Amino acid sequence: MNSLAATATQTLATSRNQTIGIAAARQQIASEKAVAGLVAEGAQSSAAANPPAPAGQGQRVDRRA
């Protein structure tokens, strides 16, 4: 009977650890999606606030000092 109880306890512990791992992975994915959304939102705001450079600007770099 002790062996059966030990096996059941180990199975429950394994299941619990797996559940915790899955929850942590889901939280990590949700956090990464939230950060990606904020970055995209910031990029859109920046693009809307700053018009594109005129044609030809930024084509060459003047390295004379």
N, C-alpha and C. Protein backbone atom coordinates (compact mmCIF):
# COMPACT_ATOMS: atom_id res chain seq x y z
N MET A 1 0.81 -1.20 0.00
CA MET A 1 0.00 0.00 0.00
C MET A 1 0.86 1.26 0.00
N ASN A 2 2.01 1.21 0.68
CA ASN A 2 2.90 2.37 0.71
C ASN A 2 3.40 2.73 -0.68
N SER A 3 3.69 1.71 -1.46
CA SER A 3 4.17 1.93 -2.82
C SER A 3 3.10 2.62 -3.66
N LEU A 4 1.86 2.20 -3.49
CA LEU A 4 0.77 2.81 -4.24
C LEU A 4 0.58 4.27 -3.85
N ALA A 5 0.67 4.55 -2.56
CA ALA A 5 0.52 5.92 -2.08
C ALA A 5 1.68 6.79 -2.57
N ALA A 6 2.88 6.24 -2.57
CA ALA A 6 4.05 7.00 -3.05
C ALA A 6 3.92 7.30 -4.54
N THR A 7 3.46 6.32 -5.30
CA THR A 7 3.27 6.52 -6.74
C THR A 7 2.20 7.57 -7.00
N ALA A 8 1.12 7.51 -6.25
CA ALA A 8 0.04 8.49 -6.42
C ALA A 8 0.52 9.89 -6.06
N THR A 9 1.28 9.99 -4.98
CA THR A 9 1.81 11.30 -4.56
C THR A 9 2.76 11.86 -5.61
N GLN A 10 3.61 11.00 -6.15
CA GLN A 10 4.56 11.43 -7.17
C GLN A 10 3.82 11.86 -8.45
N THR A 11 2.80 11.14 -8.81
CA THR A 11 2.01 11.49 -10.00
C THR A 11 1.33 12.83 -9.81
N LEU A 12 0.76 13.06 -8.62
CA LEU A 12 0.11 14.34 -8.34
C LEU A 12 1.12 15.48 -8.36
N ALA A 13 2.30 15.25 -7.80
CA ALA A 13 3.34 16.28 -7.78
C ALA A 13 3.79 16.61 -9.19
N THR A 14 3.96 15.59 -10.01
CA THR A 14 4.37 15.80 -11.39
C THR A 14 3.31 16.59 -12.15
N SER A 15 2.07 16.23 -11.94
CA SER A 15 0.97 16.92 -12.60
C SER A 15 0.91 18.39 -12.16
N ARG A 16 1.11 18.62 -10.88
CA ARG A 16 1.08 19.99 -10.36
C ARG A 16 2.22 20.80 -10.94
N ASN A 17 3.42 20.22 -10.98
CA ASN A 17 4.57 20.93 -11.54
C ASN A 17 4.35 21.25 -13.02
N GLN A 18 3.75 20.32 -13.74
CA GLN A 18 3.46 20.54 -15.15
C GLN A 18 2.45 21.68 -15.31
N THR A 19 1.43 21.69 -14.46
CA THR A 19 0.42 22.75 -14.51
C THR A 19 1.05 24.11 -14.23
N ILE A 20 1.94 24.16 -13.25
CA ILE A 20 2.63 25.41 -12.92
C ILE A 20 3.51 25.85 -14.09
N GLY A 21 4.20 24.91 -14.71
CA GLY A 21 5.04 25.23 -15.85
C GLY A 21 4.25 25.77 -17.03
N ILE A 22 3.10 25.17 -17.29
CA ILE A 22 2.24 25.63 -18.37
C ILE A 22 1.73 27.04 -18.07
N ALA A 23 1.33 27.28 -16.84
CA ALA A 23 0.83 28.60 -16.46
C ALA A 23 1.93 29.65 -16.61
N ALA A 24 3.14 29.31 -16.22
CA ALA A 24 4.26 30.25 -16.35
C ALA A 24 4.56 30.53 -17.82
N ALA A 25 4.52 29.51 -18.65
CA ALA A 25 4.77 29.70 -20.08
C ALA A 25 3.69 30.58 -20.70
N ARG A 26 2.44 30.36 -20.32
CA ARG A 26 1.35 31.19 -20.85
C ARG A 26 1.50 32.65 -20.42
N GLN A 27 1.92 32.85 -19.19
CA GLN A 27 2.12 34.21 -18.69
C GLN A 27 3.25 34.88 -19.45
N GLN A 28 4.33 34.14 -19.72
CA GLN A 28 5.46 34.68 -20.47
C GLN A 28 5.03 35.07 -21.88
N ILE A 29 4.25 34.23 -22.53
CA ILE A 29 3.77 34.53 -23.89
C ILE A 29 2.88 35.76 -23.87
N ALA A 30 1.99 35.85 -22.89
CA ALA A 30 1.11 37.01 -22.79
C ALA A 30 1.92 38.29 -22.57
N SER A 31 2.96 38.21 -21.75
CA SER A 31 3.80 39.38 -21.50
C SER A 31 4.53 39.81 -22.77
N GLU A 32 5.05 38.84 -23.51
CA GLU A 32 5.76 39.16 -24.75
C GLU A 32 4.82 39.77 -25.78
N LYS A 33 3.59 39.28 -25.85
CA LYS A 33 2.60 39.86 -26.77
C LYS A 33 2.28 41.30 -26.37
N ALA A 34 2.16 41.54 -25.07
CA ALA A 34 1.86 42.89 -24.60
C ALA A 34 3.00 43.85 -24.94
N VAL A 35 4.23 43.41 -24.75
CA VAL A 35 5.38 44.25 -25.07
C VAL A 35 5.44 44.51 -26.58
N ALA A 36 5.20 43.48 -27.38
CA ALA A 36 5.20 43.66 -28.83
C ALA A 36 4.12 44.66 -29.25
N GLY A 37 2.97 44.59 -28.61
CA GLY A 37 1.90 45.54 -28.91
C GLY A 37 2.30 46.97 -28.58
N LEU A 38 2.95 47.15 -27.43
CA LEU A 38 3.41 48.49 -27.05
C LEU A 38 4.46 49.02 -28.01
N VAL A 39 5.37 48.15 -28.43
CA VAL A 39 6.41 48.56 -29.38
C VAL A 39 5.77 48.96 -30.71
N ALA A 40 4.82 48.18 -31.19
CA ALA A 40 4.14 48.50 -32.44
C ALA A 40 3.37 49.81 -32.32
N GLU A 41 2.72 49.99 -31.20
CA GLU A 41 1.97 51.23 -30.98
C GLU A 41 2.90 52.43 -30.97
N GLY A 42 4.05 52.28 -30.32
CA GLY A 42 5.04 53.37 -30.29
C GLY A 42 5.59 53.67 -31.68
N ALA A 43 5.80 52.63 -32.47
CA ALA A 43 6.32 52.83 -33.82
C ALA A 43 5.29 53.56 -34.68
N GLN A 44 4.02 53.21 -34.52
CA GLN A 44 2.97 53.88 -35.29
C GLN A 44 2.85 55.34 -34.87
N SER A 45 2.95 55.60 -33.59
CA SER A 45 2.86 56.98 -33.10
C SER A 45 4.03 57.80 -33.61
N SER A 46 5.20 57.20 -33.60
CA SER A 46 6.41 57.89 -34.07
C SER A 46 6.32 58.17 -35.56
N ALA A 47 5.83 57.21 -36.32
CA ALA A 47 5.70 57.39 -37.76
C ALA A 47 4.68 58.47 -38.09
N ALA A 48 3.63 58.55 -37.32
CA ALA A 48 2.60 59.55 -37.56
C ALA A 48 3.10 60.95 -37.15
N ALA A 49 3.92 61.03 -36.13
CA ALA A 49 4.40 62.32 -35.63
C ALA A 49 5.51 62.88 -36.51
N ASN A 50 6.32 62.03 -37.09
CA ASN A 50 7.44 62.49 -37.91
C ASN A 50 7.21 62.10 -39.36
N PRO A 51 7.02 63.10 -40.21
CA PRO A 51 6.84 62.77 -41.63
C PRO A 51 8.12 62.19 -42.20
N PRO A 52 8.03 61.45 -43.29
CA PRO A 52 9.23 60.87 -43.89
C PRO A 52 10.17 61.96 -44.40
N ALA A 53 11.44 61.63 -44.48
CA ALA A 53 12.44 62.57 -44.97
C ALA A 53 12.19 62.86 -46.44
N PRO A 54 12.55 64.06 -46.89
CA PRO A 54 12.40 64.38 -48.32
C PRO A 54 13.22 63.43 -49.19
N ALA A 55 12.83 63.29 -50.43
CA ALA A 55 13.53 62.39 -51.35
C ALA A 55 15.00 62.76 -51.45
N GLY A 56 15.85 61.78 -51.36
CA GLY A 56 17.29 62.00 -51.47
C GLY A 56 17.97 62.28 -50.15
N GLN A 57 17.25 62.68 -49.15
CA GLN A 57 17.86 62.98 -47.85
C GLN A 57 18.24 61.67 -47.16
N GLY A 58 19.42 61.65 -46.58
CA GLY A 58 19.89 60.47 -45.89
C GLY A 58 20.56 59.47 -46.81
N GLN A 59 20.80 59.85 -48.04
CA GLN A 59 21.43 58.95 -48.99
C GLN A 59 22.95 58.89 -48.79
N ARG A 60 23.53 60.01 -48.42
CA ARG A 60 24.99 60.08 -48.25
C ARG A 60 25.32 60.61 -46.86
N VAL A 61 26.47 60.18 -46.37
CA VAL A 61 26.94 60.64 -45.06
C VAL A 61 28.18 61.48 -45.28
N ASP A 62 28.15 62.71 -44.75
CA ASP A 62 29.30 63.61 -44.84
C ASP A 62 30.18 63.34 -43.63
N ARG A 63 31.36 62.75 -43.87
CA ARG A 63 32.23 62.41 -42.76
C ARG A 63 33.35 63.41 -42.55
N ARG A 64 33.25 64.54 -43.19
CA ARG A 64 34.28 65.58 -42.99
C ARG A 64 34.06 66.25 -41.65
N ALA A 65 35.15 66.49 -40.94
CA ALA A 65 35.01 67.15 -39.65
C ALA A 65 35.72 68.48 -39.67
